[in-house]
Amino acid sequence: GGTVQYNVMNAMFAIAIAVGLGIGRETVATALKTFRMNIDNTPGRLNEIGGFPFRVIVDAAHNAHGLNALVRFIDQLPVKGKRIINFGASAYINDEGLKAFARQAAGHFDLYVIKNTSNDRLVILERRPFEEAPTILKEELILCGVPEENIIVEPDFWVSLDKSLAKAREGDLLVVTVRASTDGKFKMVEKLEAAAEMWG
């Protein structure tokens, strides 16, 4: 509906490229009218998972810039209950990058569930101790004024999702971030869809 400004910008660039390549205007217009943001077309990009008594959105906001864009969209959504984010940043991001990531989230949610973005402990341990990145995120959130009681640190990728779902209630909004470059986003969607079936 045009509420996601960065997607409007993406569409404008796509139109310009298509016209520049000589693709007919009618074809471009048809593509714009029929395109839908969903798991098949845009996996990990603002995928909404139905079936819960609360709203669940999955997005691959994996750096400060991406999270800023996501938060600007989320802030526009009417939410009757709590705003919950299940998020984490890659262990390969340096400390300042992790802090910048946390600053983008600070103040926009009622509950923060912090995780590692991968459940592959070996990959994480190549870069830093398993709990270090989540701890840095938590400390920066607190420095930004987020009450410590509103932060849950669960480094394990899947356990953090279970804890987030357990905290959500009817009317809440749960935002779950995933890594765009791995199959984790597909596994996350599958797990959420399975959880939604159990909820029903």
C-alpha atoms as a PDB file:
ATOM      1  CA  GLY A   1       0.000   0.000   0.000  1.00  0.00           C
ATOM      2  CA  GLY A   2       2.978   2.319  -0.263  1.00  0.00           C
ATOM      3  CA  THR A   3       3.662   2.445   3.473  1.00  0.00           C
ATOM      4  CA  VAL A   4       7.099   0.861   3.125  1.00  0.00           C
ATOM      5  CA  GLN A   5       9.037   3.741   1.626  1.00  0.00           C
ATOM      6  CA  TYR A   6      12.163   1.776   0.783  1.00  0.00           C
ATOM      7  CA  ASN A   7      10.068  -0.639  -1.263  1.00  0.00           C
ATOM      8  CA  VAL A   8       8.519   2.284  -3.135  1.00  0.00           C
ATOM      9  CA  MET A   9      12.083   3.393  -3.914  1.00  0.00           C
ATOM     10  CA  ASN A  10      13.000  -0.143  -5.014  1.00  0.00           C
ATOM     11  CA  ALA A  11       9.982  -0.211  -7.330  1.00  0.00           C
ATOM     12  CA  MET A  12      10.922   3.157  -8.823  1.00  0.00           C
ATOM     13  CA  PHE A  13      14.436   1.938  -9.599  1.00  0.00           C
ATOM     14  CA  ALA A  14      13.031  -1.276 -11.099  1.00  0.00           C
ATOM     15  CA  ILE A  15      10.701   0.769 -13.320  1.00  0.00           C
ATOM     16  CA  ALA A  16      13.572   2.968 -14.485  1.00  0.00           C
ATOM     17  CA  ILE A  17      15.740  -0.038 -15.322  1.00  0.00           C
ATOM     18  CA  ALA A  18      12.897  -1.809 -17.134  1.00  0.00           C
ATOM     19  CA  VAL A  19      12.075   1.265 -19.227  1.00  0.00           C
ATOM     20  CA  GLY A  20      15.783   1.751 -19.923  1.00  0.00           C
ATOM     21  CA  LEU A  21      15.971  -1.830 -21.224  1.00  0.00           C
ATOM     22  CA  GLY A  22      13.081  -1.152 -23.576  1.00  0.00           C
ATOM     23  CA  ILE A  23      10.438  -3.166 -21.735  1.00  0.00           C
ATOM     24  CA  GLY A  24       6.955  -1.918 -22.626  1.00  0.00           C
ATOM     25  CA  ARG A  25       5.066   0.287 -20.202  1.00  0.00           C
ATOM     26  CA  GLU A  26       2.061  -2.058 -20.159  1.00  0.00           C
ATOM     27  CA  THR A  27       4.300  -4.950 -19.138  1.00  0.00           C
ATOM     28  CA  VAL A  28       5.876  -2.855 -16.384  1.00  0.00           C
ATOM     29  CA  ALA A  29       2.453  -1.702 -15.160  1.00  0.00           C
ATOM     30  CA  THR A  30       1.129  -5.275 -15.098  1.00  0.00           C
ATOM     31  CA  ALA A  31       4.161  -6.456 -13.139  1.00  0.00           C
ATOM     32  CA  LEU A  32       3.673  -3.705 -10.562  1.00  0.00           C
ATOM     33  CA  LYS A  33      -0.033  -4.482 -10.193  1.00  0.00           C
ATOM     34  CA  THR A  34       0.426  -8.240  -9.795  1.00  0.00           C
ATOM     35  CA  PHE A  35       3.572  -8.338  -7.649  1.00  0.00           C
ATOM     36  CA  ARG A  36       2.954  -9.350  -4.034  1.00  0.00           C
ATOM     37  CA  MET A  37       5.331  -9.335  -1.101  1.00  0.00           C
ATOM     38  CA  ASN A  38       5.229 -12.864   0.228  1.00  0.00           C
ATOM     39  CA  ILE A  39       7.482 -15.733   1.175  1.00  0.00           C
ATOM     40  CA  ASP A  40       7.680 -17.003  -2.421  1.00  0.00           C
ATOM     41  CA  ASN A  41       8.548 -13.646  -4.030  1.00  0.00           C
ATOM     42  CA  THR A  42      10.489 -11.918  -1.265  1.00  0.00           C
ATOM     43  CA  PRO A  43      11.630 -14.466   1.312  1.00  0.00           C
ATOM     44  CA  GLY A  44      12.794 -12.793   4.507  1.00  0.00           C
ATOM     45  CA  ARG A  45      11.499  -9.387   3.445  1.00  0.00           C
ATOM     46  CA  LEU A  46       8.505  -8.280   5.507  1.00  0.00           C
ATOM     47  CA  ASN A  47       6.889 -11.709   5.473  1.00  0.00           C
ATOM     48  CA  GLU A  48       3.770 -11.796   7.612  1.00  0.00           C
ATOM     49  CA  ILE A  49       2.951 -15.161   9.204  1.00  0.00           C
ATOM     50  CA  GLY A  50      -0.742 -15.629   9.879  1.00  0.00           C
ATOM     51  CA  GLY A  51      -2.552 -17.962  12.249  1.00  0.00           C
ATOM     52  CA  PHE A  52      -1.541 -16.395  15.573  1.00  0.00           C
ATOM     53  CA  PRO A  53      -3.773 -14.245  17.816  1.00  0.00           C
ATOM     54  CA  PHE A  54      -1.025 -11.637  17.437  1.00  0.00           C
ATOM     55  CA  ARG A  55       0.750 -10.265  14.373  1.00  0.00           C
ATOM     56  CA  VAL A  56       4.087 -11.808  13.337  1.00  0.00           C
ATOM     57  CA  ILE A  57       6.441 -10.207  10.815  1.00  0.00           C
ATOM     58  CA  VAL A  58       9.748 -11.748   9.653  1.00  0.00           C
ATOM     59  CA  ASP A  59      12.395  -9.534   8.078  1.00  0.00           C
ATOM     60  CA  ALA A  60      16.085  -9.770   7.204  1.00  0.00           C
ATOM     61  CA  ALA A  61      17.111  -6.506   8.833  1.00  0.00           C
ATOM     62  CA  HIS A  62      20.716  -7.548   9.438  1.00  0.00           C
ATOM     63  CA  ASN A  63      22.495  -4.211   9.899  1.00  0.00           C
ATOM     64  CA  ALA A  64      21.804  -0.782  11.394  1.00  0.00           C
ATOM     65  CA  HIS A  65      20.599   0.697   8.094  1.00  0.00           C
ATOM     66  CA  GLY A  66      18.202  -2.179   7.461  1.00  0.00           C
ATOM     67  CA  LEU A  67      16.867  -2.135  11.001  1.00  0.00           C
ATOM     68  CA  ASN A  68      16.306   1.617  10.798  1.00  0.00           C
ATOM     69  CA  ALA A  69      14.207   1.156   7.663  1.00  0.00           C
ATOM     70  CA  LEU A  70      12.239  -1.679   9.277  1.00  0.00           C
ATOM     71  CA  VAL A  71      11.603   0.298  12.469  1.00  0.00           C
ATOM     72  CA  ARG A  72      10.312   3.296  10.501  1.00  0.00           C
ATOM     73  CA  PHE A  73       7.729   0.997   8.916  1.00  0.00           C
ATOM     74  CA  ILE A  74       6.855  -0.765  12.191  1.00  0.00           C
ATOM     75  CA  ASP A  75       6.296   2.595  13.911  1.00  0.00           C
ATOM     76  CA  GLN A  76       3.442   3.276  11.467  1.00  0.00           C
ATOM     77  CA  LEU A  77       1.537   0.106  12.333  1.00  0.00           C
ATOM     78  CA  PRO A  78      -1.407   0.307  14.735  1.00  0.00           C
ATOM     79  CA  VAL A  79      -0.725  -2.105  17.605  1.00  0.00           C
ATOM     80  CA  LYS A  80      -3.187  -2.608  20.458  1.00  0.00           C
ATOM     81  CA  GLY A  81      -0.790  -4.546  22.644  1.00  0.00           C
ATOM     82  CA  LYS A  82       2.970  -4.811  23.045  1.00  0.00           C
ATOM     83  CA  ARG A  83       5.603  -4.430  20.376  1.00  0.00           C
ATOM     84  CA  ILE A  84       8.127  -7.249  20.697  1.00  0.00           C
ATOM     85  CA  ILE A  85      11.307  -7.717  18.699  1.00  0.00           C
ATOM     86  CA  ASN A  86      13.308 -10.921  18.451  1.00  0.00           C
ATOM     87  CA  PHE A  87      16.601  -9.768  16.989  1.00  0.00           C
ATOM     88  CA  GLY A  88      20.339 -10.157  16.840  1.00  0.00           C
ATOM     89  CA  ALA A  89      23.330  -9.078  14.818  1.00  0.00           C
ATOM     90  CA  SER A  90      26.036 -11.149  13.208  1.00  0.00           C
ATOM     91  CA  ALA A  91      29.047 -12.075  15.324  1.00  0.00           C
ATOM     92  CA  TYR A  92      31.152 -10.850  12.397  1.00  0.00           C
ATOM     93  CA  ILE A  93      30.028  -7.236  12.926  1.00  0.00           C
ATOM     94  CA  ASN A  94      32.495  -5.210  14.994  1.00  0.00           C
ATOM     95  CA  ASP A  95      31.551  -3.818  18.396  1.00  0.00           C
ATOM     96  CA  GLU A  96      30.611  -0.357  17.097  1.00  0.00           C
ATOM     97  CA  GLY A  97      28.430  -1.933  14.428  1.00  0.00           C
ATOM     98  CA  LEU A  98      26.646  -3.992  17.081  1.00  0.00           C
ATOM     99  CA  LYS A  99      26.065  -0.891  19.188  1.00  0.00           C
ATOM    100  CA  ALA A 100      24.712   1.029  16.185  1.00  0.00           C
ATOM    101  CA  PHE A 101      22.345  -1.877  15.519  1.00  0.00           C
ATOM    102  CA  ALA A 102      21.028  -1.768  19.092  1.00  0.00           C
ATOM    103  CA  ARG A 103      20.570   2.012  18.929  1.00  0.00           C
ATOM    104  CA  GLN A 104      18.256   1.642  15.932  1.00  0.00           C
ATOM    105  CA  ALA A 105      15.958  -0.661  17.896  1.00  0.00           C
ATOM    106  CA  ALA A 106      16.036   1.246  21.182  1.00  0.00           C
ATOM    107  CA  GLY A 107      12.817   2.982  22.136  1.00  0.00           C
ATOM    108  CA  HIS A 108      10.649   1.387  19.464  1.00  0.00           C
ATOM    109  CA  PHE A 109       9.591  -1.795  21.271  1.00  0.00           C
ATOM    110  CA  ASP A 110       8.194  -2.843  24.631  1.00  0.00           C
ATOM    111  CA  LEU A 111      10.166  -6.088  24.843  1.00  0.00           C
ATOM    112  CA  TYR A 112      13.539  -6.991  23.307  1.00  0.00           C
ATOM    113  CA  VAL A 113      14.531 -10.645  22.903  1.00  0.00           C
ATOM    114  CA  ILE A 114      18.188 -10.757  21.873  1.00  0.00           C
ATOM    115  CA  LYS A 115      19.716 -13.765  20.111  1.00  0.00           C
ATOM    116  CA  ASN A 116      22.606 -14.819  17.922  1.00  0.00           C
ATOM    117  CA  THR A 117      21.550 -14.571  14.288  1.00  0.00           C
ATOM    118  CA  SER A 118      22.910 -18.041  13.631  1.00  0.00           C
ATOM    119  CA  ASN A 119      22.548 -21.159  15.716  1.00  0.00           C
ATOM    120  CA  ASP A 120      25.873 -22.438  14.400  1.00  0.00           C
ATOM    121  CA  ARG A 121      28.063 -22.121  17.489  1.00  0.00           C
ATOM    122  CA  LEU A 122      31.211 -22.991  15.555  1.00  0.00           C
ATOM    123  CA  VAL A 123      30.699 -20.088  13.156  1.00  0.00           C
ATOM    124  CA  ILE A 124      30.047 -17.676  16.017  1.00  0.00           C
ATOM    125  CA  LEU A 125      33.006 -18.892  18.028  1.00  0.00           C
ATOM    126  CA  GLU A 126      35.325 -18.230  15.092  1.00  0.00           C
ATOM    127  CA  ARG A 127      34.626 -14.541  15.636  1.00  0.00           C
ATOM    128  CA  ARG A 128      33.831 -14.040  19.335  1.00  0.00           C
ATOM    129  CA  PRO A 129      32.508 -15.886  22.426  1.00  0.00           C
ATOM    130  CA  PHE A 130      28.981 -17.233  21.919  1.00  0.00           C
ATOM    131  CA  GLU A 131      27.232 -14.747  24.229  1.00  0.00           C
ATOM    132  CA  GLU A 132      29.377 -11.701  23.483  1.00  0.00           C
ATOM    133  CA  ALA A 133      27.348 -10.144  20.646  1.00  0.00           C
ATOM    134  CA  PRO A 134      24.004 -10.468  22.513  1.00  0.00           C
ATOM    135  CA  THR A 135      25.629  -8.993  25.623  1.00  0.00           C
ATOM    136  CA  ILE A 136      26.916  -5.967  23.684  1.00  0.00           C
ATOM    137  CA  LEU A 137      23.437  -5.413  22.234  1.00  0.00           C
ATOM    138  CA  LYS A 138      21.876  -5.568  25.694  1.00  0.00           C
ATOM    139  CA  GLU A 139      24.379  -3.156  27.214  1.00  0.00           C
ATOM    140  CA  GLU A 140      23.797  -0.636  24.415  1.00  0.00           C
ATOM    141  CA  LEU A 141      20.019  -0.886  24.769  1.00  0.00           C
ATOM    142  CA  ILE A 142      20.357  -0.094  28.473  1.00  0.00           C
ATOM    143  CA  LEU A 143      22.608   2.872  27.693  1.00  0.00           C
ATOM    144  CA  CYS A 144      19.841   4.089  25.350  1.00  0.00           C
ATOM    145  CA  GLY A 145      17.314   4.018  28.190  1.00  0.00           C
ATOM    146  CA  VAL A 146      15.652   0.641  27.696  1.00  0.00           C
ATOM    147  CA  PRO A 147      14.808  -0.823  31.143  1.00  0.00           C
ATOM    148  CA  GLU A 148      16.766  -4.001  31.826  1.00  0.00           C
ATOM    149  CA  GLU A 149      13.561  -5.824  32.762  1.00  0.00           C
ATOM    150  CA  ASN A 150      12.341  -5.285  29.186  1.00  0.00           C
ATOM    151  CA  ILE A 151      15.293  -7.198  27.744  1.00  0.00           C
ATOM    152  CA  ILE A 152      15.645 -10.973  27.462  1.00  0.00           C
ATOM    153  CA  VAL A 153      18.992 -12.382  26.326  1.00  0.00           C
ATOM    154  CA  GLU A 154      18.743 -15.851  24.850  1.00  0.00           C
ATOM    155  CA  PRO A 155      21.734 -16.500  22.576  1.00  0.00           C
ATOM    156  CA  ASP A 156      20.273 -19.715  21.183  1.00  0.00           C
ATOM    157  CA  PHE A 157      18.506 -18.870  17.900  1.00  0.00           C
ATOM    158  CA  TRP A 158      15.540 -21.245  18.239  1.00  0.00           C
ATOM    159  CA  VAL A 159      15.073 -21.001  22.001  1.00  0.00           C
ATOM    160  CA  SER A 160      14.853 -17.229  21.620  1.00  0.00           C
ATOM    161  CA  LEU A 161      11.936 -17.695  19.210  1.00  0.00           C
ATOM    162  CA  ASP A 162      10.125 -19.975  21.653  1.00  0.00           C
ATOM    163  CA  LYS A 163      10.566 -17.388  24.403  1.00  0.00           C
ATOM    164  CA  SER A 164       9.285 -14.613  22.141  1.00  0.00           C
ATOM    165  CA  LEU A 165       6.174 -16.571  21.190  1.00  0.00           C
ATOM    166  CA  ALA A 166       5.538 -17.375  24.848  1.00  0.00           C
ATOM    167  CA  LYS A 167       5.587 -13.656  25.706  1.00  0.00           C
ATOM    168  CA  ALA A 168       3.221 -12.587  22.909  1.00  0.00           C
ATOM    169  CA  ARG A 169      -0.479 -12.097  23.582  1.00  0.00           C
ATOM    170  CA  GLU A 170      -3.518 -11.233  21.511  1.00  0.00           C
ATOM    171  CA  GLY A 171      -3.138  -7.788  19.950  1.00  0.00           C
ATOM    172  CA  ASP A 172       0.657  -7.794  20.187  1.00  0.00           C
ATOM    173  CA  LEU A 173       3.120  -7.414  17.336  1.00  0.00           C
ATOM    174  CA  LEU A 174       6.133  -9.738  17.172  1.00  0.00           C
ATOM    175  CA  VAL A 175       8.942  -8.796  14.784  1.00  0.00           C
ATOM    176  CA  VAL A 176      11.517 -11.526  14.094  1.00  0.00           C
ATOM    177  CA  THR A 177      14.752 -10.730  12.268  1.00  0.00           C
ATOM    178  CA  VAL A 178      16.615 -13.341  10.227  1.00  0.00           C
ATOM    179  CA  ARG A 179      19.793 -13.499   8.170  1.00  0.00           C
ATOM    180  CA  ALA A 180      19.107 -12.911   4.490  1.00  0.00           C
ATOM    181  CA  SER A 181      22.110 -14.867   3.251  1.00  0.00           C
ATOM    182  CA  THR A 182      21.283 -18.268   4.746  1.00  0.00           C
ATOM    183  CA  ASP A 183      18.488 -20.830   4.651  1.00  0.00           C
ATOM    184  CA  GLY A 184      17.733 -19.814   8.249  1.00  0.00           C
ATOM    185  CA  LYS A 185      14.997 -17.487   7.010  1.00  0.00           C
ATOM    186  CA  PHE A 186      13.163 -20.399   5.383  1.00  0.00           C
ATOM    187  CA  LYS A 187      13.548 -22.551   8.485  1.00  0.00           C
ATOM    188  CA  MET A 188      12.278 -19.647  10.610  1.00  0.00           C
ATOM    189  CA  VAL A 189       9.185 -19.247   8.434  1.00  0.00           C
ATOM    190  CA  GLU A 190       8.561 -23.004   8.527  1.00  0.00           C
ATOM    191  CA  LYS A 191       8.881 -23.073  12.307  1.00  0.00           C
ATOM    192  CA  LEU A 192       6.521 -20.111  12.704  1.00  0.00           C
ATOM    193  CA  GLU A 193       3.972 -21.633  10.355  1.00  0.00           C
ATOM    194  CA  ALA A 194       4.116 -24.899  12.316  1.00  0.00           C
ATOM    195  CA  ALA A 195       3.710 -22.976  15.586  1.00  0.00           C
ATOM    196  CA  ALA A 196       0.720 -21.106  14.143  1.00  0.00           C
ATOM    197  CA  GLU A 197      -0.967 -24.412  13.297  1.00  0.00           C
ATOM    198  CA  MET A 198      -0.483 -25.582  16.874  1.00  0.00           C
ATOM    199  CA  TRP A 199      -1.873 -22.269  18.138  1.00  0.00           C
ATOM    200  CA  GLY A 200      -5.012 -22.761  16.087  1.00  0.00           C
END
